[in-house]
């Protein structure tokens, strides 16, 4: 997931140059907001992957009397 998020960030950053050149402030704001959400998502994914996995074991059947 992390490599894909990096690809998306590079793509979004490359899309920012045209609005900057044309002074499209609303478009720049939208791109910046998208980048902020993307970076939050990447940080969340990094935290999740750093924790590792948890072995929950196999559930035992409930015995009926």
Foldseek 3Di string as FASTA:
>chain_A
DLVVLVVVLVVLVVVLVVCVVVVVVVVNVVSVVVNVVSVVVNVVVVVVVVVPDDDPDDDDDDDDD
